[in-house]
Amino acid sequence: MNNQAVSSNKPSAAFVGASWAALLLGVVAFMAGLWNAGMQLNEKGYYFAVLVLGLYAAISLQKSVRDRLEGIPVTAIYYGISWVALLIAVGLLGVGLFNATLQLSEKGFYAMAFALALFGAIAVQKNTRDNLGSDEAPRTERKRDKGPTLVPQDGTKPAEVQELMANNR
């Protein structure tokens, strides 16, 4: 149990807007590049799948890192898989662009749009988490422990609830 104090600073509207703009601009630019590219459909599908994997992995990794910092249990395997998935997405994009028959400026465009989309996704997830945290506790500091306290609705005793929780892990 980690009772580390976690500050919950609500992000400014400007930062939230800039984060969404970065995410949308990165994704839209990447997709517009794919739409206009003279590639075969399977190549476009490859780059689209890499983008989706990268976005999901970046968000998952950001959440895992944040959970660990706040003392919320995260399994080592999930944390590791999040890192591996992000590295695989970046690696696949790099290998794909290195071997692509594109001009160097096009390769740079895809790499920068991908990086912008990843940054935007991480920032949007952070803002969502910070807004949720500021709604939970309006104070500037709050304590985190193992998780929410369960209140039994069916007359079960708290000890039985703890036993059920332990058996479901």
N, C-alpha and C. Protein backbone atom coordinates (compact mmCIF):
# COMPACT_ATOMS: atom_id res chain seq x y z
N MET A 1 0.85 -1.18 0.00
CA MET A 1 0.00 0.00 0.00
C MET A 1 0.89 1.23 0.00
N ASN A 2 0.63 2.12 -0.90
CA ASN A 2 1.43 3.34 -1.05
C ASN A 2 0.56 4.53 -0.73
N ASN A 3 0.86 5.22 0.35
CA ASN A 3 0.08 6.39 0.74
C ASN A 3 0.76 7.68 0.30
N GLN A 4 1.47 7.60 -0.80
CA GLN A 4 2.16 8.77 -1.33
C GLN A 4 1.15 9.84 -1.70
N ALA A 5 1.43 11.07 -1.31
CA ALA A 5 0.53 12.18 -1.66
C ALA A 5 0.65 12.47 -3.15
N VAL A 6 -0.48 12.61 -3.80
CA VAL A 6 -0.51 12.87 -5.24
C VAL A 6 -1.18 14.21 -5.44
N SER A 7 -0.46 15.13 -6.09
CA SER A 7 -1.09 16.42 -6.34
C SER A 7 -2.00 16.29 -7.55
N SER A 8 -3.14 16.94 -7.49
CA SER A 8 -4.10 16.86 -8.59
C SER A 8 -4.34 18.26 -9.12
N ASN A 9 -3.48 18.66 -10.02
CA ASN A 9 -3.62 19.96 -10.64
C ASN A 9 -4.43 19.80 -11.91
N LYS A 10 -5.52 20.51 -11.97
CA LYS A 10 -6.36 20.45 -13.15
C LYS A 10 -5.65 21.19 -14.29
N PRO A 11 -5.56 20.56 -15.47
CA PRO A 11 -4.88 21.23 -16.58
C PRO A 11 -5.69 22.42 -17.09
N SER A 12 -4.98 23.39 -17.64
CA SER A 12 -5.66 24.57 -18.17
C SER A 12 -6.42 24.22 -19.44
N ALA A 13 -7.40 25.01 -19.75
CA ALA A 13 -8.18 24.80 -20.98
C ALA A 13 -7.28 24.92 -22.21
N ALA A 14 -6.29 25.79 -22.15
CA ALA A 14 -5.37 25.95 -23.28
C ALA A 14 -4.56 24.68 -23.51
N PHE A 15 -4.08 24.06 -22.42
CA PHE A 15 -3.30 22.83 -22.58
C PHE A 15 -4.18 21.69 -23.06
N VAL A 16 -5.40 21.60 -22.55
CA VAL A 16 -6.33 20.57 -23.02
C VAL A 16 -6.60 20.75 -24.51
N GLY A 17 -6.85 21.99 -24.92
CA GLY A 17 -7.10 22.27 -26.34
C GLY A 17 -5.89 21.96 -27.20
N ALA A 18 -4.70 22.33 -26.72
CA ALA A 18 -3.47 22.06 -27.48
C ALA A 18 -3.22 20.55 -27.59
N SER A 19 -3.54 19.81 -26.54
CA SER A 19 -3.36 18.36 -26.56
C SER A 19 -4.28 17.71 -27.59
N TRP A 20 -5.55 18.10 -27.57
CA TRP A 20 -6.50 17.56 -28.55
C TRP A 20 -6.10 17.97 -29.96
N ALA A 21 -5.64 19.21 -30.12
CA ALA A 21 -5.21 19.68 -31.44
C ALA A 21 -4.02 18.86 -31.94
N ALA A 22 -3.06 18.57 -31.06
CA ALA A 22 -1.90 17.77 -31.44
C ALA A 22 -2.32 16.37 -31.86
N LEU A 23 -3.21 15.76 -31.08
CA LEU A 23 -3.68 14.41 -31.42
C LEU A 23 -4.40 14.41 -32.76
N LEU A 24 -5.34 15.32 -32.92
CA LEU A 24 -6.12 15.35 -34.16
C LEU A 24 -5.25 15.72 -35.36
N LEU A 25 -4.37 16.69 -35.18
CA LEU A 25 -3.49 17.10 -36.28
C LEU A 25 -2.57 15.95 -36.69
N GLY A 26 -2.00 15.26 -35.72
CA GLY A 26 -1.12 14.14 -36.03
C GLY A 26 -1.84 13.02 -36.75
N VAL A 27 -3.02 12.63 -36.26
CA VAL A 27 -3.78 11.54 -36.87
C VAL A 27 -4.28 11.95 -38.25
N VAL A 28 -4.84 13.15 -38.36
CA VAL A 28 -5.38 13.61 -39.65
C VAL A 28 -4.26 13.76 -40.68
N ALA A 29 -3.13 14.30 -40.29
CA ALA A 29 -2.02 14.45 -41.22
C ALA A 29 -1.52 13.08 -41.69
N PHE A 30 -1.36 12.15 -40.76
CA PHE A 30 -0.90 10.81 -41.10
C PHE A 30 -1.88 10.15 -42.07
N MET A 31 -3.18 10.25 -41.75
CA MET A 31 -4.20 9.64 -42.60
C MET A 31 -4.30 10.33 -43.96
N ALA A 32 -4.16 11.64 -44.00
CA ALA A 32 -4.18 12.36 -45.29
C ALA A 32 -2.99 11.94 -46.14
N GLY A 33 -1.85 11.76 -45.50
CA GLY A 33 -0.67 11.28 -46.23
C GLY A 33 -0.91 9.90 -46.81
N LEU A 34 -1.54 9.02 -46.03
CA LEU A 34 -1.84 7.68 -46.54
C LEU A 34 -2.86 7.75 -47.68
N TRP A 35 -3.86 8.59 -47.53
CA TRP A 35 -4.91 8.70 -48.55
C TRP A 35 -4.32 9.14 -49.89
N ASN A 36 -3.40 10.08 -49.84
CA ASN A 36 -2.83 10.64 -51.06
C ASN A 36 -1.60 9.87 -51.56
N ALA A 37 -1.13 8.91 -50.81
CA ALA A 37 0.09 8.18 -51.19
C ALA A 37 -0.18 7.26 -52.37
N GLY A 38 0.85 7.08 -53.17
CA GLY A 38 0.74 6.16 -54.30
C GLY A 38 1.16 4.76 -53.92
N MET A 39 0.71 4.29 -52.77
CA MET A 39 1.06 2.96 -52.27
C MET A 39 -0.06 1.99 -52.59
N GLN A 40 0.28 0.71 -52.50
CA GLN A 40 -0.76 -0.31 -52.61
C GLN A 40 -1.58 -0.31 -51.32
N LEU A 41 -2.76 -0.86 -51.39
CA LEU A 41 -3.67 -0.85 -50.25
C LEU A 41 -3.07 -1.61 -49.06
N ASN A 42 -2.34 -2.68 -49.31
CA ASN A 42 -1.75 -3.43 -48.20
C ASN A 42 -0.69 -2.60 -47.47
N GLU A 43 0.04 -1.75 -48.20
CA GLU A 43 1.01 -0.86 -47.55
C GLU A 43 0.30 0.18 -46.70
N LYS A 44 -0.77 0.74 -47.22
CA LYS A 44 -1.53 1.72 -46.45
C LYS A 44 -2.09 1.08 -45.19
N GLY A 45 -2.57 -0.15 -45.31
CA GLY A 45 -3.08 -0.88 -44.15
C GLY A 45 -2.01 -1.12 -43.11
N TYR A 46 -0.80 -1.42 -43.57
CA TYR A 46 0.32 -1.62 -42.66
C TYR A 46 0.57 -0.36 -41.83
N TYR A 47 0.68 0.78 -42.50
CA TYR A 47 0.96 2.03 -41.79
C TYR A 47 -0.21 2.42 -40.88
N PHE A 48 -1.44 2.16 -41.32
CA PHE A 48 -2.59 2.45 -40.47
C PHE A 48 -2.56 1.58 -39.21
N ALA A 49 -2.27 0.30 -39.37
CA ALA A 49 -2.21 -0.61 -38.22
C ALA A 49 -1.10 -0.20 -37.25
N VAL A 50 0.03 0.25 -37.79
CA VAL A 50 1.13 0.71 -36.94
C VAL A 50 0.70 1.95 -36.15
N LEU A 51 -0.02 2.86 -36.79
CA LEU A 51 -0.52 4.05 -36.10
C LEU A 51 -1.46 3.67 -34.96
N VAL A 52 -2.40 2.78 -35.23
CA VAL A 52 -3.36 2.36 -34.20
C VAL A 52 -2.64 1.66 -33.05
N LEU A 53 -1.71 0.76 -33.36
CA LEU A 53 -0.94 0.08 -32.32
C LEU A 53 -0.15 1.09 -31.49
N GLY A 54 0.49 2.05 -32.15
CA GLY A 54 1.27 3.04 -31.44
C GLY A 54 0.43 3.90 -30.51
N LEU A 55 -0.73 4.33 -30.99
CA LEU A 55 -1.61 5.15 -30.14
C LEU A 55 -2.08 4.37 -28.92
N TYR A 56 -2.53 3.14 -29.15
CA TYR A 56 -3.01 2.33 -28.03
C TYR A 56 -1.87 2.05 -27.03
N ALA A 57 -0.71 1.69 -27.54
CA ALA A 57 0.42 1.36 -26.67
C ALA A 57 0.87 2.58 -25.86
N ALA A 58 0.90 3.75 -26.49
CA ALA A 58 1.32 4.96 -25.79
C ALA A 58 0.35 5.31 -24.66
N ILE A 59 -0.93 5.21 -24.95
CA ILE A 59 -1.94 5.49 -23.91
C ILE A 59 -1.84 4.48 -22.78
N SER A 60 -1.70 3.21 -23.13
CA SER A 60 -1.60 2.16 -22.13
C SER A 60 -0.35 2.34 -21.26
N LEU A 61 0.76 2.68 -21.89
CA LEU A 61 1.98 2.88 -21.12
C LEU A 61 1.85 4.09 -20.21
N GLN A 62 1.29 5.18 -20.70
CA GLN A 62 1.12 6.37 -19.88
C GLN A 62 0.26 6.06 -18.67
N LYS A 63 -0.81 5.30 -18.88
CA LYS A 63 -1.69 4.94 -17.77
C LYS A 63 -0.96 4.05 -16.76
N SER A 64 -0.19 3.09 -17.25
CA SER A 64 0.55 2.20 -16.36
C SER A 64 1.56 2.96 -15.52
N VAL A 65 2.30 3.85 -16.16
CA VAL A 65 3.29 4.65 -15.43
C VAL A 65 2.60 5.50 -14.38
N ARG A 66 1.52 6.14 -14.75
CA ARG A 66 0.80 7.00 -13.82
C ARG A 66 0.21 6.19 -12.66
N ASP A 67 -0.36 5.02 -12.96
CA ASP A 67 -0.89 4.18 -11.90
C ASP A 67 0.20 3.80 -10.91
N ARG A 68 1.34 3.41 -11.41
CA ARG A 68 2.44 3.04 -10.52
C ARG A 68 2.87 4.21 -9.64
N LEU A 69 2.94 5.41 -10.22
CA LEU A 69 3.33 6.58 -9.44
C LEU A 69 2.31 6.91 -8.35
N GLU A 70 1.05 6.60 -8.62
CA GLU A 70 -0.01 6.89 -7.65
C GLU A 70 -0.26 5.74 -6.69
N GLY A 71 0.52 4.68 -6.81
CA GLY A 71 0.36 3.56 -5.89
C GLY A 71 -0.76 2.60 -6.25
N ILE A 72 -1.28 2.71 -7.44
CA ILE A 72 -2.32 1.78 -7.90
C ILE A 72 -1.60 0.57 -8.47
N PRO A 73 -1.97 -0.63 -8.04
CA PRO A 73 -1.25 -1.82 -8.50
C PRO A 73 -1.33 -2.01 -10.01
N VAL A 74 -0.18 -2.26 -10.61
CA VAL A 74 -0.06 -2.59 -12.03
C VAL A 74 0.87 -3.79 -12.11
N THR A 75 0.43 -4.83 -12.78
CA THR A 75 1.28 -6.01 -12.87
C THR A 75 2.50 -5.71 -13.73
N ALA A 76 3.58 -6.36 -13.39
CA ALA A 76 4.83 -6.15 -14.13
C ALA A 76 4.68 -6.60 -15.58
N ILE A 77 3.90 -7.65 -15.81
CA ILE A 77 3.74 -8.14 -17.17
C ILE A 77 2.99 -7.13 -18.03
N TYR A 78 1.96 -6.50 -17.49
CA TYR A 78 1.23 -5.49 -18.25
C TYR A 78 2.09 -4.27 -18.52
N TYR A 79 2.84 -3.85 -17.52
CA TYR A 79 3.76 -2.72 -17.68
C TYR A 79 4.79 -3.03 -18.76
N GLY A 80 5.34 -4.23 -18.72
CA GLY A 80 6.32 -4.65 -19.72
C GLY A 80 5.73 -4.75 -21.11
N ILE A 81 4.54 -5.31 -21.21
CA ILE A 81 3.88 -5.45 -22.51
C ILE A 81 3.59 -4.07 -23.09
N SER A 82 3.23 -3.11 -22.25
CA SER A 82 2.98 -1.76 -22.73
C SER A 82 4.23 -1.16 -23.36
N TRP A 83 5.37 -1.34 -22.69
CA TRP A 83 6.63 -0.85 -23.24
C TRP A 83 6.98 -1.56 -24.55
N VAL A 84 6.84 -2.88 -24.54
CA VAL A 84 7.19 -3.66 -25.73
C VAL A 84 6.30 -3.27 -26.91
N ALA A 85 5.00 -3.11 -26.66
CA ALA A 85 4.09 -2.74 -27.75
C ALA A 85 4.45 -1.39 -28.34
N LEU A 86 4.80 -0.43 -27.49
CA LEU A 86 5.18 0.89 -28.00
C LEU A 86 6.48 0.81 -28.80
N LEU A 87 7.45 0.08 -28.29
CA LEU A 87 8.71 -0.08 -29.01
C LEU A 87 8.51 -0.82 -30.34
N ILE A 88 7.62 -1.81 -30.35
CA ILE A 88 7.32 -2.53 -31.59
C ILE A 88 6.69 -1.58 -32.60
N ALA A 89 5.74 -0.76 -32.17
CA ALA A 89 5.08 0.18 -33.09
C ALA A 89 6.10 1.15 -33.69
N VAL A 90 6.95 1.71 -32.85
CA VAL A 90 7.96 2.65 -33.34
C VAL A 90 8.94 1.92 -34.26
N GLY A 91 9.33 0.72 -33.89
CA GLY A 91 10.24 -0.07 -34.72
C GLY A 91 9.63 -0.43 -36.07
N LEU A 92 8.36 -0.85 -36.05
CA LEU A 92 7.69 -1.19 -37.31
C LEU A 92 7.58 0.02 -38.23
N LEU A 93 7.28 1.17 -37.65
CA LEU A 93 7.22 2.38 -38.48
C LEU A 93 8.60 2.69 -39.06
N GLY A 94 9.63 2.60 -38.23
CA GLY A 94 10.98 2.87 -38.69
C GLY A 94 11.42 1.92 -39.80
N VAL A 95 11.18 0.63 -39.61
CA VAL A 95 11.56 -0.36 -40.63
C VAL A 95 10.76 -0.15 -41.90
N GLY A 96 9.46 0.12 -41.74
CA GLY A 96 8.61 0.35 -42.91
C GLY A 96 9.05 1.56 -43.70
N LEU A 97 9.36 2.64 -43.01
CA LEU A 97 9.79 3.86 -43.71
C LEU A 97 11.18 3.71 -44.30
N PHE A 98 12.06 3.00 -43.60
CA PHE A 98 13.41 2.79 -44.12
C PHE A 98 13.37 2.03 -45.44
N ASN A 99 12.50 1.05 -45.54
CA ASN A 99 12.41 0.21 -46.73
C ASN A 99 11.42 0.72 -47.77
N ALA A 100 10.71 1.78 -47.47
CA ALA A 100 9.69 2.30 -48.39
C ALA A 100 10.35 3.01 -49.56
N THR A 101 9.69 2.96 -50.70
CA THR A 101 10.17 3.68 -51.88
C THR A 101 9.52 5.06 -51.91
N LEU A 102 9.78 5.82 -50.87
CA LEU A 102 9.25 7.18 -50.75
C LEU A 102 10.40 8.16 -50.76
N GLN A 103 10.09 9.39 -51.07
CA GLN A 103 11.10 10.44 -50.96
C GLN A 103 11.41 10.67 -49.49
N LEU A 104 12.60 11.17 -49.24
CA LEU A 104 13.02 11.40 -47.86
C LEU A 104 12.08 12.36 -47.13
N SER A 105 11.56 13.36 -47.85
CA SER A 105 10.63 14.30 -47.22
C SER A 105 9.32 13.61 -46.83
N GLU A 106 8.87 12.64 -47.62
CA GLU A 106 7.65 11.90 -47.27
C GLU A 106 7.88 11.03 -46.04
N LYS A 107 9.04 10.40 -45.99
CA LYS A 107 9.36 9.57 -44.82
C LYS A 107 9.38 10.43 -43.55
N GLY A 108 9.98 11.60 -43.65
CA GLY A 108 10.00 12.51 -42.51
C GLY A 108 8.61 12.97 -42.12
N PHE A 109 7.76 13.21 -43.11
CA PHE A 109 6.39 13.62 -42.84
C PHE A 109 5.66 12.56 -42.03
N TYR A 110 5.75 11.30 -42.46
CA TYR A 110 5.07 10.22 -41.72
C TYR A 110 5.63 10.06 -40.32
N ALA A 111 6.94 10.16 -40.18
CA ALA A 111 7.56 10.03 -38.85
C ALA A 111 7.11 11.15 -37.92
N MET A 112 7.07 12.37 -38.42
CA MET A 112 6.68 13.50 -37.58
C MET A 112 5.18 13.46 -37.25
N ALA A 113 4.35 13.09 -38.20
CA ALA A 113 2.91 12.97 -37.93
C ALA A 113 2.67 11.88 -36.89
N PHE A 114 3.41 10.77 -36.99
CA PHE A 114 3.29 9.67 -36.02
C PHE A 114 3.70 10.15 -34.63
N ALA A 115 4.84 10.85 -34.55
CA ALA A 115 5.31 11.35 -33.25
C ALA A 115 4.33 12.36 -32.66
N LEU A 116 3.78 13.23 -33.49
CA LEU A 116 2.81 14.21 -33.00
C LEU A 116 1.54 13.52 -32.49
N ALA A 117 1.09 12.50 -33.20
CA ALA A 117 -0.10 11.76 -32.77
C ALA A 117 0.16 11.05 -31.44
N LEU A 118 1.34 10.45 -31.28
CA LEU A 118 1.66 9.78 -30.01
C LEU A 118 1.72 10.78 -28.86
N PHE A 119 2.37 11.91 -29.09
CA PHE A 119 2.43 12.95 -28.06
C PHE A 119 1.02 13.41 -27.69
N GLY A 120 0.20 13.67 -28.70
CA GLY A 120 -1.16 14.13 -28.46
C GLY A 120 -1.97 13.12 -27.66
N ALA A 121 -1.82 11.83 -28.00
CA ALA A 121 -2.57 10.78 -27.29
C ALA A 121 -2.16 10.72 -25.83
N ILE A 122 -0.86 10.81 -25.58
CA ILE A 122 -0.38 10.78 -24.19
C ILE A 122 -0.88 11.99 -23.42
N ALA A 123 -0.82 13.17 -24.04
CA ALA A 123 -1.26 14.39 -23.36
C ALA A 123 -2.77 14.38 -23.11
N VAL A 124 -3.55 13.89 -24.06
CA VAL A 124 -5.00 13.82 -23.87
C VAL A 124 -5.34 12.85 -22.74
N GLN A 125 -4.64 11.71 -22.68
CA GLN A 125 -4.89 10.75 -21.61
C GLN A 125 -4.50 11.35 -20.26
N LYS A 126 -3.39 12.07 -20.22
CA LYS A 126 -2.97 12.73 -18.99
C LYS A 126 -4.00 13.75 -18.54
N ASN A 127 -4.48 14.56 -19.48
CA ASN A 127 -5.48 15.57 -19.13
C ASN A 127 -6.77 14.93 -18.63
N THR A 128 -7.17 13.85 -19.28
CA THR A 128 -8.38 13.14 -18.85
C THR A 128 -8.21 12.64 -17.43
N ARG A 129 -7.05 12.07 -17.14
CA ARG A 129 -6.76 11.55 -15.81
C ARG A 129 -6.71 12.68 -14.79
N ASP A 130 -6.07 13.80 -15.15
CA ASP A 130 -5.99 14.93 -14.22
C ASP A 130 -7.35 15.54 -13.95
N ASN A 131 -8.19 15.64 -14.98
CA ASN A 131 -9.54 16.17 -14.79
C ASN A 131 -10.35 15.24 -13.91
N LEU A 132 -10.20 13.94 -14.09
CA LEU A 132 -10.90 12.98 -13.25
C LEU A 132 -10.42 13.09 -11.81
N GLY A 133 -9.12 13.24 -11.62
CA GLY A 133 -8.56 13.37 -10.28
C GLY A 133 -9.01 14.63 -9.58
N SER A 134 -9.16 15.72 -10.33
CA SER A 134 -9.59 16.97 -9.70
C SER A 134 -11.08 16.93 -9.39
N ASP A 135 -11.83 16.12 -10.14
CA ASP A 135 -13.26 15.96 -9.82
C ASP A 135 -13.46 15.09 -8.60
N GLU A 136 -12.57 14.07 -8.43
CA GLU A 136 -12.68 13.17 -7.28
C GLU A 136 -12.40 13.91 -5.98
N ALA A 137 -11.35 14.69 -5.98
CA ALA A 137 -10.92 15.38 -4.75
C ALA A 137 -10.59 16.83 -5.08
N PRO A 138 -11.44 17.76 -4.67
CA PRO A 138 -11.18 19.16 -4.99
C PRO A 138 -9.97 19.74 -4.26
N ARG A 139 -9.44 19.05 -3.27
CA ARG A 139 -8.26 19.55 -2.57
C ARG A 139 -7.05 19.48 -3.47
N THR A 140 -5.98 20.13 -3.08
CA THR A 140 -4.77 20.11 -3.90
C THR A 140 -3.98 18.82 -3.70
N GLU A 141 -4.22 18.11 -2.60
CA GLU A 141 -3.55 16.84 -2.39
C GLU A 141 -4.58 15.81 -1.96
N ARG A 142 -4.33 14.57 -2.37
CA ARG A 142 -5.19 13.48 -1.96
C ARG A 142 -4.32 12.26 -1.73
N LYS A 143 -4.80 11.33 -0.96
CA LYS A 143 -4.06 10.11 -0.66
C LYS A 143 -4.62 8.99 -1.51
N ARG A 144 -3.71 8.14 -2.04
CA ARG A 144 -4.10 6.96 -2.82
C ARG A 144 -3.67 5.74 -2.04
N ASP A 145 -4.54 4.76 -1.98
CA ASP A 145 -4.14 3.48 -1.43
C ASP A 145 -4.45 2.41 -2.46
N LYS A 146 -4.79 1.22 -2.04
CA LYS A 146 -4.98 0.13 -2.99
C LYS A 146 -6.14 0.34 -3.93
N GLY A 147 -7.12 1.08 -3.59
CA GLY A 147 -8.25 1.26 -4.50
C GLY A 147 -9.49 1.69 -3.76
N PRO A 148 -10.61 1.71 -4.46
CA PRO A 148 -11.85 2.16 -3.83
C PRO A 148 -12.34 1.17 -2.78
N THR A 149 -13.04 1.70 -1.81
CA THR A 149 -13.63 0.86 -0.78
C THR A 149 -14.98 0.36 -1.26
N LEU A 150 -15.19 -0.94 -1.12
CA LEU A 150 -16.46 -1.52 -1.56
C LEU A 150 -17.48 -1.43 -0.43
N VAL A 151 -18.66 -1.03 -0.76
CA VAL A 151 -19.75 -1.00 0.20
C VAL A 151 -20.73 -2.08 -0.21
N PRO A 152 -20.88 -3.12 0.62
CA PRO A 152 -21.76 -4.22 0.22
C PRO A 152 -23.22 -3.78 0.16
N GLN A 153 -23.91 -4.21 -0.89
CA GLN A 153 -25.31 -3.87 -1.08
C GLN A 153 -26.24 -4.99 -0.63
N ASP A 154 -25.68 -6.20 -0.50
CA ASP A 154 -26.55 -7.36 -0.24
C ASP A 154 -26.45 -7.87 1.19
N GLY A 155 -25.95 -7.08 2.11
CA GLY A 155 -25.88 -7.51 3.50
C GLY A 155 -24.63 -8.30 3.83
N THR A 156 -23.71 -8.45 2.89
CA THR A 156 -22.48 -9.17 3.16
C THR A 156 -21.61 -8.35 4.10
N LYS A 157 -20.89 -9.02 4.92
CA LYS A 157 -20.01 -8.33 5.85
C LYS A 157 -18.74 -7.89 5.13
N PRO A 158 -18.11 -6.81 5.58
CA PRO A 158 -16.90 -6.33 4.92
C PRO A 158 -15.80 -7.39 4.82
N ALA A 159 -15.67 -8.27 5.82
CA ALA A 159 -14.65 -9.31 5.76
C ALA A 159 -14.92 -10.27 4.59
N GLU A 160 -16.21 -10.56 4.35
CA GLU A 160 -16.56 -11.44 3.24
C GLU A 160 -16.26 -10.76 1.90
N VAL A 161 -16.48 -9.47 1.84
CA VAL A 161 -16.18 -8.73 0.61
C VAL A 161 -14.68 -8.78 0.34
N GLN A 162 -13.85 -8.58 1.38
CA GLN A 162 -12.40 -8.64 1.20
C GLN A 162 -11.97 -10.02 0.74
N GLU A 163 -12.60 -11.07 1.29
CA GLU A 163 -12.26 -12.43 0.87
C GLU A 163 -12.64 -12.67 -0.59
N LEU A 164 -13.82 -12.16 -0.99
CA LEU A 164 -14.23 -12.31 -2.38
C LEU A 164 -13.27 -11.57 -3.31
N MET A 165 -12.84 -10.38 -2.90
CA MET A 165 -11.89 -9.62 -3.72
C MET A 165 -10.57 -10.38 -3.84
N ALA A 166 -10.09 -10.96 -2.76
CA ALA A 166 -8.83 -11.68 -2.79
C ALA A 166 -8.93 -12.90 -3.70
N ASN A 167 -10.08 -13.56 -3.71
CA ASN A 167 -10.26 -14.75 -4.54
C ASN A 167 -10.40 -14.40 -6.02
N ASN A 168 -10.82 -13.19 -6.33
CA ASN A 168 -11.01 -12.80 -7.72
C ASN A 168 -9.75 -12.24 -8.35
N ARG A 169 -8.68 -12.10 -7.64
CA ARG A 169 -7.44 -11.54 -8.22
C ARG A 169 -6.65 -12.60 -8.91
